[in-house]
Amino acid sequence: MNKTDLTTKYEHRLTLKNYSENTLRAYLNGLHIFLDYVKVNEVSAITPKVLETYFHYCKKELDYSYSMMSQGLLRRNSCWLR
């Protein structure tokens, strides 16, 4: 699945869950940051180790809070991983 298809699928699912426009934008932005990380680092499969490394990068390099790091990626919104 390419980035556009994945983003569209994720946006549709979040819309069906009735998220606000602000939440949609925040979660989609989080997804774009993650997908850019995956591309730059040539990640071939999303594993727990990849997520751990990504979160470490977000904390150390981007100075994100845990909430910002996990927005739209784990918790209840992991639908884009399926």
PDB file of N, CA and C in Angstrom:
ATOM      1  N   MET A   1       0.853  -1.179   0.000  1.00  0.00           N
ATOM      2  CA  MET A   1       0.000   0.000   0.000  1.00  0.00           C
ATOM      3  C   MET A   1       0.896   1.239   0.000  1.00  0.00           C
ATOM      4  N   ASN A   2       0.610   2.181  -0.886  1.00  0.00           N
ATOM      5  CA  ASN A   2       1.430   3.385  -0.931  1.00  0.00           C
ATOM      6  C   ASN A   2       0.962   4.410   0.107  1.00  0.00           C
ATOM      7  N   LYS A   3       1.762   5.464   0.270  1.00  0.00           N
ATOM      8  CA  LYS A   3       1.505   6.466   1.304  1.00  0.00           C
ATOM      9  C   LYS A   3       0.140   7.138   1.130  1.00  0.00           C
ATOM     10  N   THR A   4      -0.224   7.468  -0.092  1.00  0.00           N
ATOM     11  CA  THR A   4      -1.508   8.131  -0.342  1.00  0.00           C
ATOM     12  C   THR A   4      -2.675   7.219   0.029  1.00  0.00           C
ATOM     13  N   ASP A   5      -2.609   5.974  -0.390  1.00  0.00           N
ATOM     14  CA  ASP A   5      -3.675   5.017  -0.070  1.00  0.00           C
ATOM     15  C   ASP A   5      -3.790   4.808   1.442  1.00  0.00           C
ATOM     16  N   LEU A   6      -2.652   4.683   2.095  1.00  0.00           N
ATOM     17  CA  LEU A   6      -2.633   4.473   3.543  1.00  0.00           C
ATOM     18  C   LEU A   6      -3.215   5.676   4.279  1.00  0.00           C
ATOM     19  N   THR A   7      -2.818   6.865   3.867  1.00  0.00           N
ATOM     20  CA  THR A   7      -3.322   8.089   4.487  1.00  0.00           C
ATOM     21  C   THR A   7      -4.823   8.226   4.278  1.00  0.00           C
ATOM     22  N   THR A   8      -5.290   7.941   3.072  1.00  0.00           N
ATOM     23  CA  THR A   8      -6.725   8.023   2.769  1.00  0.00           C
ATOM     24  C   THR A   8      -7.517   7.021   3.603  1.00  0.00           C
ATOM     25  N   LYS A   9      -7.027   5.807   3.684  1.00  0.00           N
ATOM     26  CA  LYS A   9      -7.700   4.772   4.484  1.00  0.00           C
ATOM     27  C   LYS A   9      -7.778   5.193   5.950  1.00  0.00           C
ATOM     28  N   TYR A  10      -6.677   5.704   6.468  1.00  0.00           N
ATOM     29  CA  TYR A  10      -6.622   6.146   7.860  1.00  0.00           C
ATOM     30  C   TYR A  10      -7.595   7.304   8.103  1.00  0.00           C
ATOM     31  N   GLU A  11      -7.590   8.279   7.197  1.00  0.00           N
ATOM     32  CA  GLU A  11      -8.499   9.422   7.327  1.00  0.00           C
ATOM     33  C   GLU A  11      -9.957   8.974   7.299  1.00  0.00           C
ATOM     34  N   HIS A  12     -10.296   8.061   6.411  1.00  0.00           N
ATOM     35  CA  HIS A  12     -11.682   7.560   6.333  1.00  0.00           C
ATOM     36  C   HIS A  12     -12.090   6.878   7.641  1.00  0.00           C
ATOM     37  N   ARG A  13     -11.193   6.065   8.185  1.00  0.00           N
ATOM     38  CA  ARG A  13     -11.531   5.374   9.438  1.00  0.00           C
ATOM     39  C   ARG A  13     -11.704   6.354  10.596  1.00  0.00           C
ATOM     40  N   LEU A  14     -10.834   7.351  10.660  1.00  0.00           N
ATOM     41  CA  LEU A  14     -10.956   8.347  11.731  1.00  0.00           C
ATOM     42  C   LEU A  14     -12.236   9.160  11.569  1.00  0.00           C
ATOM     43  N   THR A  15     -12.591   9.463  10.326  1.00  0.00           N
ATOM     44  CA  THR A  15     -13.828  10.209  10.059  1.00  0.00           C
ATOM     45  C   THR A  15     -15.045   9.396  10.505  1.00  0.00           C
ATOM     46  N   LEU A  16     -15.034   8.107  10.213  1.00  0.00           N
ATOM     47  CA  LEU A  16     -16.144   7.245  10.637  1.00  0.00           C
ATOM     48  C   LEU A  16     -16.246   7.144  12.157  1.00  0.00           C
ATOM     49  N   LYS A  17     -15.124   7.362  12.836  1.00  0.00           N
ATOM     50  CA  LYS A  17     -15.139   7.358  14.305  1.00  0.00           C
ATOM     51  C   LYS A  17     -15.556   8.720  14.856  1.00  0.00           C
ATOM     52  N   ASN A  18     -15.875   9.643  13.940  1.00  0.00           N
ATOM     53  CA  ASN A  18     -16.398  10.956  14.289  1.00  0.00           C
ATOM     54  C   ASN A  18     -15.388  11.854  15.021  1.00  0.00           C
ATOM     55  N   TYR A  19     -14.116  11.744  14.646  1.00  0.00           N
ATOM     56  CA  TYR A  19     -13.111  12.626  15.231  1.00  0.00           C
ATOM     57  C   TYR A  19     -13.278  14.032  14.678  1.00  0.00           C
ATOM     58  N   SER A  20     -12.912  15.027  15.476  1.00  0.00           N
ATOM     59  CA  SER A  20     -12.998  16.422  15.038  1.00  0.00           C
ATOM     60  C   SER A  20     -11.940  16.694  13.976  1.00  0.00           C
ATOM     61  N   GLU A  21     -12.122  17.782  13.255  1.00  0.00           N
ATOM     62  CA  GLU A  21     -11.151  18.164  12.219  1.00  0.00           C
ATOM     63  C   GLU A  21      -9.764  18.380  12.812  1.00  0.00           C
ATOM     64  N   ASN A  22      -9.696  19.000  13.991  1.00  0.00           N
ATOM     65  CA  ASN A  22      -8.398  19.220  14.639  1.00  0.00           C
ATOM     66  C   ASN A  22      -7.720  17.901  14.982  1.00  0.00           C
ATOM     67  N   THR A  23      -8.484  16.956  15.483  1.00  0.00           N
ATOM     68  CA  THR A  23      -7.931  15.650  15.824  1.00  0.00           C
ATOM     69  C   THR A  23      -7.485  14.927  14.561  1.00  0.00           C
ATOM     70  N   LEU A  24      -8.299  14.993  13.511  1.00  0.00           N
ATOM     71  CA  LEU A  24      -7.916  14.390  12.229  1.00  0.00           C
ATOM     72  C   LEU A  24      -6.574  14.946  11.746  1.00  0.00           C
ATOM     73  N   ARG A  25      -6.443  16.256  11.763  1.00  0.00           N
ATOM     74  CA  ARG A  25      -5.199  16.882  11.305  1.00  0.00           C
ATOM     75  C   ARG A  25      -4.013  16.432  12.159  1.00  0.00           C
ATOM     76  N   ALA A  26      -4.201  16.399  13.476  1.00  0.00           N
ATOM     77  CA  ALA A  26      -3.114  15.996  14.371  1.00  0.00           C
ATOM     78  C   ALA A  26      -2.699  14.552  14.120  1.00  0.00           C
ATOM     79  N   TYR A  27      -3.675  13.654  13.999  1.00  0.00           N
ATOM     80  CA  TYR A  27      -3.369  12.246  13.780  1.00  0.00           C
ATOM     81  C   TYR A  27      -2.759  12.004  12.409  1.00  0.00           C
ATOM     82  N   LEU A  28      -3.264  12.696  11.401  1.00  0.00           N
ATOM     83  CA  LEU A  28      -2.694  12.551  10.058  1.00  0.00           C
ATOM     84  C   LEU A  28      -1.272  13.103  10.014  1.00  0.00           C
ATOM     85  N   ASN A  29      -1.025  14.190  10.713  1.00  0.00           N
ATOM     86  CA  ASN A  29       0.323  14.735  10.791  1.00  0.00           C
ATOM     87  C   ASN A  29       1.257  13.722  11.457  1.00  0.00           C
ATOM     88  N   GLY A  30       0.788  13.097  12.535  1.00  0.00           N
ATOM     89  CA  GLY A  30       1.583  12.065  13.199  1.00  0.00           C
ATOM     90  C   GLY A  30       1.895  10.907  12.266  1.00  0.00           C
ATOM     91  N   LEU A  31       0.919  10.512  11.472  1.00  0.00           N
ATOM     92  CA  LEU A  31       1.129   9.428  10.516  1.00  0.00           C
ATOM     93  C   LEU A  31       2.156   9.827   9.464  1.00  0.00           C
ATOM     94  N   HIS A  32       2.071  11.061   8.964  1.00  0.00           N
ATOM     95  CA  HIS A  32       3.027  11.524   7.958  1.00  0.00           C
ATOM     96  C   HIS A  32       4.452  11.538   8.511  1.00  0.00           C
ATOM     97  N   ILE A  33       4.603  11.986   9.748  1.00  0.00           N
ATOM     98  CA  ILE A  33       5.931  11.998  10.376  1.00  0.00           C
ATOM     99  C   ILE A  33       6.472  10.578  10.462  1.00  0.00           C
ATOM    100  N   PHE A  34       5.625   9.647  10.876  1.00  0.00           N
ATOM    101  CA  PHE A  34       6.050   8.250  10.989  1.00  0.00           C
ATOM    102  C   PHE A  34       6.400   7.662   9.622  1.00  0.00           C
ATOM    103  N   LEU A  35       5.568   7.911   8.631  1.00  0.00           N
ATOM    104  CA  LEU A  35       5.829   7.369   7.296  1.00  0.00           C
ATOM    105  C   LEU A  35       7.106   7.948   6.695  1.00  0.00           C
ATOM    106  N   ASP A  36       7.375   9.221   6.969  1.00  0.00           N
ATOM    107  CA  ASP A  36       8.632   9.816   6.513  1.00  0.00           C
ATOM    108  C   ASP A  36       9.821   9.143   7.194  1.00  0.00           C
ATOM    109  N   TYR A  37       9.688   8.873   8.483  1.00  0.00           N
ATOM    110  CA  TYR A  37      10.736   8.167   9.228  1.00  0.00           C
ATOM    111  C   TYR A  37      10.975   6.785   8.620  1.00  0.00           C
ATOM    112  N   VAL A  38       9.902   6.075   8.337  1.00  0.00           N
ATOM    113  CA  VAL A  38      10.001   4.731   7.749  1.00  0.00           C
ATOM    114  C   VAL A  38      10.721   4.796   6.403  1.00  0.00           C
ATOM    115  N   LYS A  39      10.382   5.780   5.590  1.00  0.00           N
ATOM    116  CA  LYS A  39      11.007   5.907   4.268  1.00  0.00           C
ATOM    117  C   LYS A  39      12.488   6.241   4.384  1.00  0.00           C
ATOM    118  N   VAL A  40      12.820   7.239   5.175  1.00  0.00           N
ATOM    119  CA  VAL A  40      14.210   7.674   5.325  1.00  0.00           C
ATOM    120  C   VAL A  40      15.081   6.544   5.874  1.00  0.00           C
ATOM    121  N   ASN A  41      14.532   5.778   6.796  1.00  0.00           N
ATOM    122  CA  ASN A  41      15.289   4.703   7.431  1.00  0.00           C
ATOM    123  C   ASN A  41      15.137   3.356   6.726  1.00  0.00           C
ATOM    124  N   GLU A  42      14.467   3.377   5.584  1.00  0.00           N
ATOM    125  CA  GLU A  42      14.288   2.192   4.747  1.00  0.00           C
ATOM    126  C   GLU A  42      13.773   0.988   5.544  1.00  0.00           C
ATOM    127  N   VAL A  43      12.729   1.239   6.323  1.00  0.00           N
ATOM    128  CA  VAL A  43      12.105   0.190   7.127  1.00  0.00           C
ATOM    129  C   VAL A  43      11.257  -0.683   6.211  1.00  0.00           C
ATOM    130  N   SER A  44      11.473  -1.982   6.274  1.00  0.00           N
ATOM    131  CA  SER A  44      10.733  -2.887   5.397  1.00  0.00           C
ATOM    132  C   SER A  44       9.528  -3.519   6.077  1.00  0.00           C
ATOM    133  N   ALA A  45       9.529  -3.536   7.418  1.00  0.00           N
ATOM    134  CA  ALA A  45       8.401  -4.095   8.177  1.00  0.00           C
ATOM    135  C   ALA A  45       8.289  -3.364   9.509  1.00  0.00           C
ATOM    136  N   ILE A  46       7.055  -3.089   9.908  1.00  0.00           N
ATOM    137  CA  ILE A  46       6.815  -2.415  11.184  1.00  0.00           C
ATOM    138  C   ILE A  46       6.805  -3.471  12.285  1.00  0.00           C
ATOM    139  N   THR A  47       7.779  -3.385  13.147  1.00  0.00           N
ATOM    140  CA  THR A  47       7.917  -4.321  14.257  1.00  0.00           C
ATOM    141  C   THR A  47       7.938  -3.539  15.560  1.00  0.00           C
ATOM    142  N   PRO A  48       7.798  -4.219  16.697  1.00  0.00           N
ATOM    143  CA  PRO A  48       7.917  -3.511  17.983  1.00  0.00           C
ATOM    144  C   PRO A  48       9.257  -2.771  18.109  1.00  0.00           C
ATOM    145  N   LYS A  49      10.315  -3.344  17.584  1.00  0.00           N
ATOM    146  CA  LYS A  49      11.639  -2.699  17.642  1.00  0.00           C
ATOM    147  C   LYS A  49      11.657  -1.415  16.817  1.00  0.00           C
ATOM    148  N   VAL A  50      11.030  -1.438  15.647  1.00  0.00           N
ATOM    149  CA  VAL A  50      10.958  -0.241  14.812  1.00  0.00           C
ATOM    150  C   VAL A  50      10.197   0.854  15.554  1.00  0.00           C
ATOM    151  N   LEU A  51       9.079   0.496  16.179  1.00  0.00           N
ATOM    152  CA  LEU A  51       8.302   1.490  16.927  1.00  0.00           C
ATOM    153  C   LEU A  51       9.099   2.046  18.097  1.00  0.00           C
ATOM    154  N   GLU A  52       9.816   1.186  18.795  1.00  0.00           N
ATOM    155  CA  GLU A  52      10.648   1.647  19.915  1.00  0.00           C
ATOM    156  C   GLU A  52      11.718   2.629  19.428  1.00  0.00           C
ATOM    157  N   THR A  53      12.358   2.289  18.336  1.00  0.00           N
ATOM    158  CA  THR A  53      13.391   3.163  17.772  1.00  0.00           C
ATOM    159  C   THR A  53      12.785   4.479  17.304  1.00  0.00           C
ATOM    160  N   TYR A  54      11.614   4.412  16.708  1.00  0.00           N
ATOM    161  CA  TYR A  54      10.917   5.621  16.263  1.00  0.00           C
ATOM    162  C   TYR A  54      10.572   6.518  17.451  1.00  0.00           C
ATOM    163  N   PHE A  55      10.036   5.936  18.509  1.00  0.00           N
ATOM    164  CA  PHE A  55       9.685   6.736  19.682  1.00  0.00           C
ATOM    165  C   PHE A  55      10.925   7.346  20.332  1.00  0.00           C
ATOM    166  N   HIS A  56      12.012   6.618  20.325  1.00  0.00           N
ATOM    167  CA  HIS A  56      13.267   7.162  20.854  1.00  0.00           C
ATOM    168  C   HIS A  56      13.698   8.362  20.013  1.00  0.00           C
ATOM    169  N   TYR A  57      13.619   8.223  18.711  1.00  0.00           N
ATOM    170  CA  TYR A  57      13.929   9.321  17.792  1.00  0.00           C
ATOM    171  C   TYR A  57      13.032  10.538  18.079  1.00  0.00           C
ATOM    172  N   CYS A  58      11.735  10.307  18.228  1.00  0.00           N
ATOM    173  CA  CYS A  58      10.794  11.404  18.501  1.00  0.00           C
ATOM    174  C   CYS A  58      11.138  12.118  19.800  1.00  0.00           C
ATOM    175  N   LYS A  59      11.487  11.362  20.808  1.00  0.00           N
ATOM    176  CA  LYS A  59      11.791  11.953  22.108  1.00  0.00           C
ATOM    177  C   LYS A  59      13.114  12.719  22.073  1.00  0.00           C
ATOM    178  N   LYS A  60      14.144  12.076  21.564  1.00  0.00           N
ATOM    179  CA  LYS A  60      15.481  12.673  21.596  1.00  0.00           C
ATOM    180  C   LYS A  60      15.706  13.730  20.519  1.00  0.00           C
ATOM    181  N   GLU A  61      15.255  13.460  19.313  1.00  0.00           N
ATOM    182  CA  GLU A  61      15.529  14.371  18.201  1.00  0.00           C
ATOM    183  C   GLU A  61      14.458  15.449  18.018  1.00  0.00           C
ATOM    184  N   LEU A  62      13.203  15.089  18.247  1.00  0.00           N
ATOM    185  CA  LEU A  62      12.102  16.029  18.031  1.00  0.00           C
ATOM    186  C   LEU A  62      11.556  16.612  19.325  1.00  0.00           C
ATOM    187  N   ASP A  63      12.014  16.080  20.466  1.00  0.00           N
ATOM    188  CA  ASP A  63      11.589  16.532  21.797  1.00  0.00           C
ATOM    189  C   ASP A  63      10.072  16.443  21.988  1.00  0.00           C
ATOM    190  N   TYR A  64       9.471  15.351  21.488  1.00  0.00           N
ATOM    191  CA  TYR A  64       8.034  15.134  21.628  1.00  0.00           C
ATOM    192  C   TYR A  64       7.712  14.528  22.988  1.00  0.00           C
ATOM    193  N   SER A  65       6.519  14.844  23.473  1.00  0.00           N
ATOM    194  CA  SER A  65       5.998  14.183  24.663  1.00  0.00           C
ATOM    195  C   SER A  65       5.507  12.790  24.252  1.00  0.00           C
ATOM    196  N   TYR A  66       5.261  11.933  25.235  1.00  0.00           N
ATOM    197  CA  TYR A  66       4.751  10.595  24.918  1.00  0.00           C
ATOM    198  C   TYR A  66       3.427  10.691  24.175  1.00  0.00           C
ATOM    199  N   SER A  67       2.576  11.603  24.613  1.00  0.00           N
ATOM    200  CA  SER A  67       1.267  11.774  23.972  1.00  0.00           C
ATOM    201  C   SER A  67       1.430  12.124  22.499  1.00  0.00           C
ATOM    202  N   MET A  68       2.317  13.039  22.209  1.00  0.00           N
ATOM    203  CA  MET A  68       2.543  13.437  20.818  1.00  0.00           C
ATOM    204  C   MET A  68       3.128  12.276  20.012  1.00  0.00           C
ATOM    205  N   MET A  69       4.029  11.522  20.621  1.00  0.00           N
ATOM    206  CA  MET A  69       4.676  10.423  19.910  1.00  0.00           C
ATOM    207  C   MET A  69       3.684   9.336  19.515  1.00  0.00           C
ATOM    208  N   SER A  70       2.740   9.070  20.373  1.00  0.00           N
ATOM    209  CA  SER A  70       1.843   7.948  20.115  1.00  0.00           C
ATOM    210  C   SER A  70       0.539   8.346  19.447  1.00  0.00           C
ATOM    211  N   GLN A  71       0.348   9.636  19.229  1.00  0.00           N
ATOM    212  CA  GLN A  71      -0.884  10.092  18.589  1.00  0.00           C
ATOM    213  C   GLN A  71      -1.103   9.398  17.264  1.00  0.00           C
ATOM    214  N   GLY A  72      -2.196   8.693  17.185  1.00  0.00           N
ATOM    215  CA  GLY A  72      -2.566   8.101  15.928  1.00  0.00           C
ATOM    216  C   GLY A  72      -1.777   6.874  15.518  1.00  0.00           C
ATOM    217  N   LEU A  73      -0.801   6.478  16.315  1.00  0.00           N
ATOM    218  CA  LEU A  73       0.011   5.337  15.915  1.00  0.00           C
ATOM    219  C   LEU A  73      -0.337   4.068  16.663  1.00  0.00           C
ATOM    220  N   LEU A  74      -0.502   4.160  17.942  1.00  0.00           N
ATOM    221  CA  LEU A  74      -0.727   2.950  18.719  1.00  0.00           C
ATOM    222  C   LEU A  74      -2.149   2.927  19.236  1.00  0.00           C
ATOM    223  N   ARG A  75      -2.327   3.122  20.461  1.00  0.00           N
ATOM    224  CA  ARG A  75      -3.618   3.175  21.132  1.00  0.00           C
ATOM    225  C   ARG A  75      -4.772   2.667  20.286  1.00  0.00           C
ATOM    226  N   ARG A  76      -5.841   3.409  20.270  1.00  0.00           N
ATOM    227  CA  ARG A  76      -7.065   2.945  19.602  1.00  0.00           C
ATOM    228  C   ARG A  76      -7.051   3.183  18.099  1.00  0.00           C
ATOM    229  N   ASN A  77      -6.000   3.772  17.563  1.00  0.00           N
ATOM    230  CA  ASN A  77      -6.008   4.154  16.154  1.00  0.00           C
ATOM    231  C   ASN A  77      -5.051   3.355  15.305  1.00  0.00           C
ATOM    232  N   SER A  78      -4.742   2.161  15.702  1.00  0.00           N
ATOM    233  CA  SER A  78      -3.775   1.374  14.942  1.00  0.00           C
ATOM    234  C   SER A  78      -4.387   0.760  13.685  1.00  0.00           C
ATOM    235  N   CYS A  79      -5.555   1.218  13.295  1.00  0.00           N
ATOM    236  CA  CYS A  79      -6.227   0.653  12.118  1.00  0.00           C
ATOM    237  C   CYS A  79      -5.393   0.782  10.851  1.00  0.00           C
ATOM    238  N   TRP A  80      -4.532   1.763  10.764  1.00  0.00           N
ATOM    239  CA  TRP A  80      -3.745   1.937   9.550  1.00  0.00           C
ATOM    240  C   TRP A  80      -2.674   0.867   9.409  1.00  0.00           C
ATOM    241  N   LEU A  81      -2.374   0.139  10.503  1.00  0.00           N
ATOM    242  CA  LEU A  81      -1.382  -0.915  10.433  1.00  0.00           C
ATOM    243  C   LEU A  81      -1.944  -2.177   9.814  1.00  0.00           C
ATOM    244  N   ARG A  82      -3.259  -2.280   9.716  1.00  0.00           N
ATOM    245  CA  ARG A  82      -3.896  -3.505   9.209  1.00  0.00           C
ATOM    246  C   ARG A  82      -4.003  -3.507   7.719  1.00  0.00           C
TER     247      ARG A  82
END
